[in-house]
């Protein structure tokens, strides 16, 4: 008899969840850098819509990285590396 448990499907879900978390993490870094700048220098200019937009962008980055995988993660990391540093 064959086992009812399918291991490759479980690996797929784990890899998709890992890619979602990595995409969300990179997306949060991309959002928090400019958002922290505005909060520090002009706190009265930051409103609720900025926080909602930031959360939407983070979830979108996570979803796109789960769907497209390493291609989107490489694109996000290239975008993160192209940001000007101090």
PDB file of N, CA and C in Angstrom:
ATOM      1  N   UNK A   1       0.823  -1.189   0.000  1.00  0.00           N
ATOM      2  CA  UNK A   1       0.000   0.000   0.000  1.00  0.00           C
ATOM      3  C   UNK A   1       0.870   1.256   0.000  1.00  0.00           C
ATOM      4  N   UNK A   2       0.346   2.276  -0.631  1.00  0.00           N
ATOM      5  CA  UNK A   2       1.066   3.539  -0.676  1.00  0.00           C
ATOM      6  C   UNK A   2       0.584   4.439   0.446  1.00  0.00           C
ATOM      7  N   UNK A   3       1.455   5.285   0.874  1.00  0.00           N
ATOM      8  CA  UNK A   3       1.132   6.217   1.946  1.00  0.00           C
ATOM      9  C   UNK A   3       0.220   7.328   1.419  1.00  0.00           C
ATOM     10  N   UNK A   4      -0.672   7.784   2.254  1.00  0.00           N
ATOM     11  CA  UNK A   4      -1.588   8.870   1.887  1.00  0.00           C
ATOM     12  C   UNK A   4      -0.896  10.231   1.965  1.00  0.00           C
ATOM     13  N   UNK A   5       0.202  10.294   2.697  1.00  0.00           N
ATOM     14  CA  UNK A   5       0.901  11.557   2.910  1.00  0.00           C
ATOM     15  C   UNK A   5       1.824  11.831   1.727  1.00  0.00           C
ATOM     16  N   UNK A   6       1.684  12.994   1.113  1.00  0.00           N
ATOM     17  CA  UNK A   6       2.503  13.353  -0.037  1.00  0.00           C
ATOM     18  C   UNK A   6       3.542  14.377   0.402  1.00  0.00           C
ATOM     19  N   UNK A   7       4.774  13.992   0.435  1.00  0.00           N
ATOM     20  CA  UNK A   7       5.866  14.858   0.891  1.00  0.00           C
ATOM     21  C   UNK A   7       6.181  16.007  -0.069  1.00  0.00           C
ATOM     22  N   UNK A   8       6.198  15.814  -1.405  1.00  0.00           N
ATOM     23  CA  UNK A   8       6.528  16.944  -2.282  1.00  0.00           C
ATOM     24  C   UNK A   8       5.559  18.116  -2.153  1.00  0.00           C
ATOM     25  N   UNK A   9       4.291  17.848  -1.920  1.00  0.00           N
ATOM     26  CA  UNK A   9       3.318  18.923  -1.749  1.00  0.00           C
ATOM     27  C   UNK A   9       3.628  19.733  -0.498  1.00  0.00           C
ATOM     28  N   UNK A  10       4.059  19.064   0.564  1.00  0.00           N
ATOM     29  CA  UNK A  10       4.401  19.753   1.802  1.00  0.00           C
ATOM     30  C   UNK A  10       5.617  20.647   1.588  1.00  0.00           C
ATOM     31  N   UNK A  11       6.600  20.187   0.838  1.00  0.00           N
ATOM     32  CA  UNK A  11       7.770  21.003   0.546  1.00  0.00           C
ATOM     33  C   UNK A  11       7.386  22.237  -0.266  1.00  0.00           C
ATOM     34  N   UNK A  12       6.429  22.091  -1.163  1.00  0.00           N
ATOM     35  CA  UNK A  12       5.993  23.225  -1.964  1.00  0.00           C
ATOM     36  C   UNK A  12       5.371  24.300  -1.079  1.00  0.00           C
ATOM     37  N   UNK A  13       4.528  23.904  -0.143  1.00  0.00           N
ATOM     38  CA  UNK A  13       3.912  24.882   0.749  1.00  0.00           C
ATOM     39  C   UNK A  13       4.941  25.546   1.647  1.00  0.00           C
ATOM     40  N   UNK A  14       5.916  24.781   2.110  1.00  0.00           N
ATOM     41  CA  UNK A  14       6.972  25.369   2.941  1.00  0.00           C
ATOM     42  C   UNK A  14       7.795  26.372   2.143  1.00  0.00           C
ATOM     43  N   UNK A  15       8.132  26.022   0.915  1.00  0.00           N
ATOM     44  CA  UNK A  15       8.933  26.938   0.103  1.00  0.00           C
ATOM     45  C   UNK A  15       8.136  28.191  -0.255  1.00  0.00           C
ATOM     46  N   UNK A  16       6.843  28.040  -0.526  1.00  0.00           N
ATOM     47  CA  UNK A  16       6.006  29.208  -0.820  1.00  0.00           C
ATOM     48  C   UNK A  16       5.881  30.117   0.409  1.00  0.00           C
ATOM     49  N   UNK A  17       5.731  29.515   1.584  1.00  0.00           N
ATOM     50  CA  UNK A  17       5.636  30.312   2.806  1.00  0.00           C
ATOM     51  C   UNK A  17       6.953  31.020   3.091  1.00  0.00           C
ATOM     52  N   UNK A  18       8.062  30.342   2.850  1.00  0.00           N
ATOM     53  CA  UNK A  18       9.368  30.960   3.050  1.00  0.00           C
ATOM     54  C   UNK A  18       9.580  32.105   2.078  1.00  0.00           C
ATOM     55  N   UNK A  19       9.194  31.915   0.827  1.00  0.00           N
ATOM     56  CA  UNK A  19       9.322  32.985  -0.154  1.00  0.00           C
ATOM     57  C   UNK A  19       8.412  34.158   0.182  1.00  0.00           C
ATOM     58  N   UNK A  20       7.215  33.880   0.702  1.00  0.00           N
ATOM     59  CA  UNK A  20       6.315  34.957   1.120  1.00  0.00           C
ATOM     60  C   UNK A  20       6.945  35.771   2.245  1.00  0.00           C
ATOM     61  N   UNK A  21       7.521  35.081   3.217  1.00  0.00           N
ATOM     62  CA  UNK A  21       8.137  35.794   4.341  1.00  0.00           C
ATOM     63  C   UNK A  21       9.360  36.590   3.907  1.00  0.00           C
ATOM     64  N   UNK A  22      10.173  36.031   3.026  1.00  0.00           N
ATOM     65  CA  UNK A  22      11.337  36.770   2.527  1.00  0.00           C
ATOM     66  C   UNK A  22      10.914  37.990   1.710  1.00  0.00           C
ATOM     67  N   UNK A  23       9.897  37.834   0.885  1.00  0.00           N
ATOM     68  CA  UNK A  23       9.388  38.971   0.113  1.00  0.00           C
ATOM     69  C   UNK A  23       8.800  40.051   1.012  1.00  0.00           C
ATOM     70  N   UNK A  24       8.104  39.633   2.047  1.00  0.00           N
ATOM     71  CA  UNK A  24       7.548  40.601   2.990  1.00  0.00           C
ATOM     72  C   UNK A  24       8.645  41.329   3.755  1.00  0.00           C
ATOM     73  N   UNK A  25       9.689  40.601   4.099  1.00  0.00           N
ATOM     74  CA  UNK A  25      10.810  41.211   4.817  1.00  0.00           C
ATOM     75  C   UNK A  25      11.526  42.239   3.949  1.00  0.00           C
ATOM     76  N   UNK A  26      11.822  41.885   2.711  1.00  0.00           N
ATOM     77  CA  UNK A  26      12.460  42.849   1.814  1.00  0.00           C
ATOM     78  C   UNK A  26      11.545  44.027   1.512  1.00  0.00           C
ATOM     79  N   UNK A  27      10.259  43.768   1.346  1.00  0.00           N
ATOM     80  CA  UNK A  27       9.303  44.846   1.119  1.00  0.00           C
ATOM     81  C   UNK A  27       9.197  45.786   2.307  1.00  0.00           C
ATOM     82  N   UNK A  28       9.275  45.229   3.508  1.00  0.00           N
ATOM     83  CA  UNK A  28       9.212  46.087   4.699  1.00  0.00           C
ATOM     84  C   UNK A  28      10.450  46.959   4.821  1.00  0.00           C
ATOM     85  N   UNK A  29      11.621  46.427   4.442  1.00  0.00           N
ATOM     86  CA  UNK A  29      12.811  47.271   4.440  1.00  0.00           C
ATOM     87  C   UNK A  29      12.694  48.387   3.415  1.00  0.00           C
ATOM     88  N   UNK A  30      12.135  48.074   2.254  1.00  0.00           N
ATOM     89  CA  UNK A  30      11.970  49.095   1.224  1.00  0.00           C
ATOM     90  C   UNK A  30      10.990  50.184   1.649  1.00  0.00           C
ATOM     91  N   UNK A  31      10.011  49.828   2.449  1.00  0.00           N
ATOM     92  CA  UNK A  31       9.018  50.806   2.894  1.00  0.00           C
ATOM     93  C   UNK A  31       9.501  51.568   4.118  1.00  0.00           C
ATOM     94  N   UNK A  32      10.155  50.891   5.037  1.00  0.00           N
ATOM     95  CA  UNK A  32      10.510  51.529   6.297  1.00  0.00           C
ATOM     96  C   UNK A  32      11.615  52.575   6.168  1.00  0.00           C
ATOM     97  N   UNK A  33      12.457  52.453   5.169  1.00  0.00           N
ATOM     98  CA  UNK A  33      13.518  53.453   5.009  1.00  0.00           C
ATOM     99  C   UNK A  33      12.924  54.831   4.716  1.00  0.00           C
ATOM    100  N   UNK A  34      12.096  55.014   3.685  1.00  0.00           N
ATOM    101  CA  UNK A  34      11.530  56.348   3.480  1.00  0.00           C
ATOM    102  C   UNK A  34      10.505  56.747   4.547  1.00  0.00           C
ATOM    103  N   UNK A  35       9.754  55.778   5.052  1.00  0.00           N
ATOM    104  CA  UNK A  35       8.750  56.098   6.066  1.00  0.00           C
ATOM    105  C   UNK A  35       9.405  56.591   7.361  1.00  0.00           C
ATOM    106  N   UNK A  36      10.519  55.981   7.750  1.00  0.00           N
ATOM    107  CA  UNK A  36      11.206  56.435   8.961  1.00  0.00           C
ATOM    108  C   UNK A  36      11.800  57.825   8.766  1.00  0.00           C
ATOM    109  N   UNK A  37      12.233  58.123   7.548  1.00  0.00           N
ATOM    110  CA  UNK A  37      12.734  59.467   7.253  1.00  0.00           C
ATOM    111  C   UNK A  37      11.631  60.505   7.443  1.00  0.00           C
ATOM    112  N   UNK A  38      10.453  60.224   6.900  1.00  0.00           N
ATOM    113  CA  UNK A  38       9.349  61.181   7.035  1.00  0.00           C
ATOM    114  C   UNK A  38       8.859  61.282   8.469  1.00  0.00           C
ATOM    115  N   UNK A  39       8.840  60.170   9.197  1.00  0.00           N
ATOM    116  CA  UNK A  39       8.400  60.212  10.591  1.00  0.00           C
ATOM    117  C   UNK A  39       9.366  61.034  11.433  1.00  0.00           C
ATOM    118  N   UNK A  40      10.664  60.917  11.147  1.00  0.00           N
ATOM    119  CA  UNK A  40      11.659  61.626  11.948  1.00  0.00           C
ATOM    120  C   UNK A  40      11.672  63.124  11.653  1.00  0.00           C
ATOM    121  N   UNK A  41      11.623  63.510  10.380  1.00  0.00           N
ATOM    122  CA  UNK A  41      11.762  64.921  10.020  1.00  0.00           C
ATOM    123  C   UNK A  41      10.439  65.670   9.940  1.00  0.00           C
ATOM    124  N   UNK A  42       9.377  65.022   9.486  1.00  0.00           N
ATOM    125  CA  UNK A  42       8.072  65.685   9.392  1.00  0.00           C
ATOM    126  C   UNK A  42       6.987  64.756   9.919  1.00  0.00           C
ATOM    127  N   UNK A  43       6.893  64.587  11.235  1.00  0.00           N
ATOM    128  CA  UNK A  43       5.904  63.643  11.773  1.00  0.00           C
ATOM    129  C   UNK A  43       4.458  64.067  11.532  1.00  0.00           C
ATOM    130  N   UNK A  44       4.208  65.354  11.348  1.00  0.00           N
ATOM    131  CA  UNK A  44       2.824  65.794  11.127  1.00  0.00           C
ATOM    132  C   UNK A  44       2.354  65.492   9.711  1.00  0.00           C
ATOM    133  N   UNK A  45       3.268  65.165   8.796  1.00  0.00           N
ATOM    134  CA  UNK A  45       2.890  64.891   7.413  1.00  0.00           C
ATOM    135  C   UNK A  45       2.521  63.427   7.171  1.00  0.00           C
ATOM    136  N   UNK A  46       2.741  62.571   8.148  1.00  0.00           N
ATOM    137  CA  UNK A  46       2.448  61.146   7.988  1.00  0.00           C
ATOM    138  C   UNK A  46       1.055  60.868   8.539  1.00  0.00           C
ATOM    139  N   UNK A  47       0.195  60.285   7.698  1.00  0.00           N
ATOM    140  CA  UNK A  47      -1.179  60.006   8.083  1.00  0.00           C
ATOM    141  C   UNK A  47      -1.466  58.514   8.009  1.00  0.00           C
ATOM    142  N   UNK A  48      -2.672  58.147   8.338  1.00  0.00           N
ATOM    143  CA  UNK A  48      -3.082  56.748   8.341  1.00  0.00           C
ATOM    144  C   UNK A  48      -2.962  56.117   6.963  1.00  0.00           C
ATOM    145  N   UNK A  49      -3.213  56.883   5.924  1.00  0.00           N
ATOM    146  CA  UNK A  49      -3.141  56.336   4.571  1.00  0.00           C
ATOM    147  C   UNK A  49      -1.726  55.882   4.227  1.00  0.00           C
ATOM    148  N   UNK A  50      -0.716  56.530   4.789  1.00  0.00           N
ATOM    149  CA  UNK A  50       0.660  56.110   4.562  1.00  0.00           C
ATOM    150  C   UNK A  50       0.929  54.741   5.188  1.00  0.00           C
ATOM    151  N   UNK A  51       0.383  54.509   6.368  1.00  0.00           N
ATOM    152  CA  UNK A  51       0.551  53.213   7.027  1.00  0.00           C
ATOM    153  C   UNK A  51      -0.217  52.112   6.286  1.00  0.00           C
ATOM    154  N   UNK A  52      -1.401  52.440   5.813  1.00  0.00           N
ATOM    155  CA  UNK A  52      -2.191  51.461   5.053  1.00  0.00           C
ATOM    156  C   UNK A  52      -1.501  51.133   3.731  1.00  0.00           C
ATOM    157  N   UNK A  53      -0.985  52.138   3.064  1.00  0.00           N
ATOM    158  CA  UNK A  53      -0.248  51.919   1.828  1.00  0.00           C
ATOM    159  C   UNK A  53       1.014  51.102   2.053  1.00  0.00           C
ATOM    160  N   UNK A  54       1.692  51.349   3.159  1.00  0.00           N
ATOM    161  CA  UNK A  54       2.893  50.580   3.485  1.00  0.00           C
ATOM    162  C   UNK A  54       2.562  49.118   3.732  1.00  0.00           C
ATOM    163  N   UNK A  55       1.510  48.863   4.487  1.00  0.00           N
ATOM    164  CA  UNK A  55       1.103  47.477   4.752  1.00  0.00           C
ATOM    165  C   UNK A  55       0.670  46.776   3.469  1.00  0.00           C
ATOM    166  N   UNK A  56      -0.013  47.496   2.593  1.00  0.00           N
ATOM    167  CA  UNK A  56      -0.432  46.922   1.314  1.00  0.00           C
ATOM    168  C   UNK A  56       0.778  46.571   0.454  1.00  0.00           C
ATOM    169  N   UNK A  57       1.761  47.451   0.424  1.00  0.00           N
ATOM    170  CA  UNK A  57       2.971  47.195  -0.353  1.00  0.00           C
ATOM    171  C   UNK A  57       3.736  45.991   0.193  1.00  0.00           C
ATOM    172  N   UNK A  58       3.817  45.863   1.499  1.00  0.00           N
ATOM    173  CA  UNK A  58       4.519  44.738   2.121  1.00  0.00           C
ATOM    174  C   UNK A  58       3.819  43.422   1.792  1.00  0.00           C
ATOM    175  N   UNK A  59       2.499  43.397   1.904  1.00  0.00           N
ATOM    176  CA  UNK A  59       1.760  42.180   1.572  1.00  0.00           C
ATOM    177  C   UNK A  59       1.822  41.867   0.076  1.00  0.00           C
ATOM    178  N   UNK A  60       1.836  42.889  -0.755  1.00  0.00           N
ATOM    179  CA  UNK A  60       1.952  42.673  -2.194  1.00  0.00           C
ATOM    180  C   UNK A  60       3.319  42.091  -2.554  1.00  0.00           C
ATOM    181  N   UNK A  61       4.364  42.597  -1.924  1.00  0.00           N
ATOM    182  CA  UNK A  61       5.708  42.039  -2.163  1.00  0.00           C
ATOM    183  C   UNK A  61       5.771  40.589  -1.722  1.00  0.00           C
ATOM    184  N   UNK A  62       5.160  40.263  -0.597  1.00  0.00           N
ATOM    185  CA  UNK A  62       5.139  38.885  -0.138  1.00  0.00           C
ATOM    186  C   UNK A  62       4.364  37.983  -1.077  1.00  0.00           C
ATOM    187  N   UNK A  63       3.225  38.447  -1.551  1.00  0.00           N
ATOM    188  CA  UNK A  63       2.408  37.634  -2.462  1.00  0.00           C
ATOM    189  C   UNK A  63       3.095  37.436  -3.806  1.00  0.00           C
ATOM    190  N   UNK A  64       3.692  38.478  -4.333  1.00  0.00           N
ATOM    191  CA  UNK A  64       4.378  38.352  -5.611  1.00  0.00           C
ATOM    192  C   UNK A  64       5.610  37.457  -5.518  1.00  0.00           C
ATOM    193  N   UNK A  65       6.297  37.518  -4.398  1.00  0.00           N
ATOM    194  CA  UNK A  65       7.453  36.635  -4.251  1.00  0.00           C
ATOM    195  C   UNK A  65       7.019  35.188  -4.058  1.00  0.00           C
ATOM    196  N   UNK A  66       5.861  34.959  -3.461  1.00  0.00           N
ATOM    197  CA  UNK A  66       5.363  33.587  -3.340  1.00  0.00           C
ATOM    198  C   UNK A  66       4.923  33.044  -4.688  1.00  0.00           C
ATOM    199  N   UNK A  67       4.382  33.901  -5.538  1.00  0.00           N
ATOM    200  CA  UNK A  67       3.912  33.459  -6.849  1.00  0.00           C
ATOM    201  C   UNK A  67       5.070  33.290  -7.830  1.00  0.00           C
ATOM    202  N   UNK A  68       5.942  34.299  -7.922  1.00  0.00           N
ATOM    203  CA  UNK A  68       7.001  34.281  -8.926  1.00  0.00           C
ATOM    204  C   UNK A  68       8.313  33.708  -8.424  1.00  0.00           C
ATOM    205  N   UNK A  69       8.450  33.556  -7.124  1.00  0.00           N
ATOM    206  CA  UNK A  69       9.615  32.881  -6.572  1.00  0.00           C
ATOM    207  C   UNK A  69      10.887  33.701  -6.607  1.00  0.00           C
ATOM    208  N   UNK A  70      11.979  33.036  -6.996  1.00  0.00           N
ATOM    209  CA  UNK A  70      13.301  33.646  -6.930  1.00  0.00           C
ATOM    210  C   UNK A  70      13.465  34.820  -7.884  1.00  0.00           C
ATOM    211  N   UNK A  71      12.738  34.820  -8.987  1.00  0.00           N
ATOM    212  CA  UNK A  71      12.864  35.937  -9.934  1.00  0.00           C
ATOM    213  C   UNK A  71      12.450  37.249  -9.276  1.00  0.00           C
ATOM    214  N   UNK A  72      11.337  37.243  -8.550  1.00  0.00           N
ATOM    215  CA  UNK A  72      10.878  38.473  -7.892  1.00  0.00           C
ATOM    216  C   UNK A  72      11.765  38.828  -6.709  1.00  0.00           C
ATOM    217  N   UNK A  73      12.258  37.818  -5.984  1.00  0.00           N
ATOM    218  CA  UNK A  73      13.150  38.093  -4.863  1.00  0.00           C
ATOM    219  C   UNK A  73      14.458  38.716  -5.347  1.00  0.00           C
ATOM    220  N   UNK A  74      14.972  38.258  -6.483  1.00  0.00           N
ATOM    221  CA  UNK A  74      16.183  38.862  -7.045  1.00  0.00           C
ATOM    222  C   UNK A  74      15.919  40.296  -7.474  1.00  0.00           C
ATOM    223  N   UNK A  75      14.749  40.547  -8.027  1.00  0.00           N
ATOM    224  CA  UNK A  75      14.382  41.905  -8.421  1.00  0.00           C
ATOM    225  C   UNK A  75      14.272  42.818  -7.200  1.00  0.00           C
ATOM    226  N   UNK A  76      13.654  42.328  -6.135  1.00  0.00           N
ATOM    227  CA  UNK A  76      13.533  43.117  -4.906  1.00  0.00           C
ATOM    228  C   UNK A  76      14.897  43.394  -4.287  1.00  0.00           C
ATOM    229  N   UNK A  77      15.752  42.394  -4.243  1.00  0.00           N
ATOM    230  CA  UNK A  77      17.070  42.610  -3.644  1.00  0.00           C
ATOM    231  C   UNK A  77      17.909  43.551  -4.512  1.00  0.00           C
ATOM    232  N   UNK A  78      17.765  43.508  -5.832  1.00  0.00           N
ATOM    233  CA  UNK A  78      18.465  44.465  -6.693  1.00  0.00           C
ATOM    234  C   UNK A  78      17.950  45.884  -6.460  1.00  0.00           C
ATOM    235  N   UNK A  79      16.648  46.027  -6.257  1.00  0.00           N
ATOM    236  CA  UNK A  79      16.080  47.334  -5.949  1.00  0.00           C
ATOM    237  C   UNK A  79      16.567  47.833  -4.598  1.00  0.00           C
ATOM    238  N   UNK A  80      16.673  46.930  -3.635  1.00  0.00           N
ATOM    239  CA  UNK A  80      17.154  47.302  -2.307  1.00  0.00           C
ATOM    240  C   UNK A  80      18.621  47.716  -2.350  1.00  0.00           C
ATOM    241  N   UNK A  81      19.430  47.038  -3.169  1.00  0.00           N
ATOM    242  CA  UNK A  81      20.845  47.373  -3.285  1.00  0.00           C
ATOM    243  C   UNK A  81      21.069  48.675  -4.044  1.00  0.00           C
ATOM    244  N   UNK A  82      20.138  49.077  -4.888  1.00  0.00           N
ATOM    245  CA  UNK A  82      20.300  50.291  -5.662  1.00  0.00           C
ATOM    246  C   UNK A  82      19.923  51.544  -4.884  1.00  0.00           C
ATOM    247  N   UNK A  83      19.368  51.379  -3.686  1.00  0.00           N
ATOM    248  CA  UNK A  83      19.011  52.543  -2.879  1.00  0.00           C
ATOM    249  C   UNK A  83      20.279  53.245  -2.408  1.00  0.00           C
ATOM    250  N   UNK A  84      20.269  54.569  -2.408  1.00  0.00           N
ATOM    251  CA  UNK A  84      21.475  55.273  -1.972  1.00  0.00           C
ATOM    252  C   UNK A  84      21.715  55.072  -0.476  1.00  0.00           C
ATOM    253  N   UNK A  85      22.930  54.810  -0.139  1.00  0.00           N
ATOM    254  CA  UNK A  85      23.302  54.600   1.263  1.00  0.00           C
ATOM    255  C   UNK A  85      24.151  55.742   1.769  1.00  0.00           C
ATOM    256  N   UNK A  86      24.396  55.702   3.025  1.00  0.00           N
ATOM    257  CA  UNK A  86      25.205  56.784   3.606  1.00  0.00           C
ATOM    258  C   UNK A  86      26.653  56.392   3.703  1.00  0.00           C
TER     259      UNK A  86
END
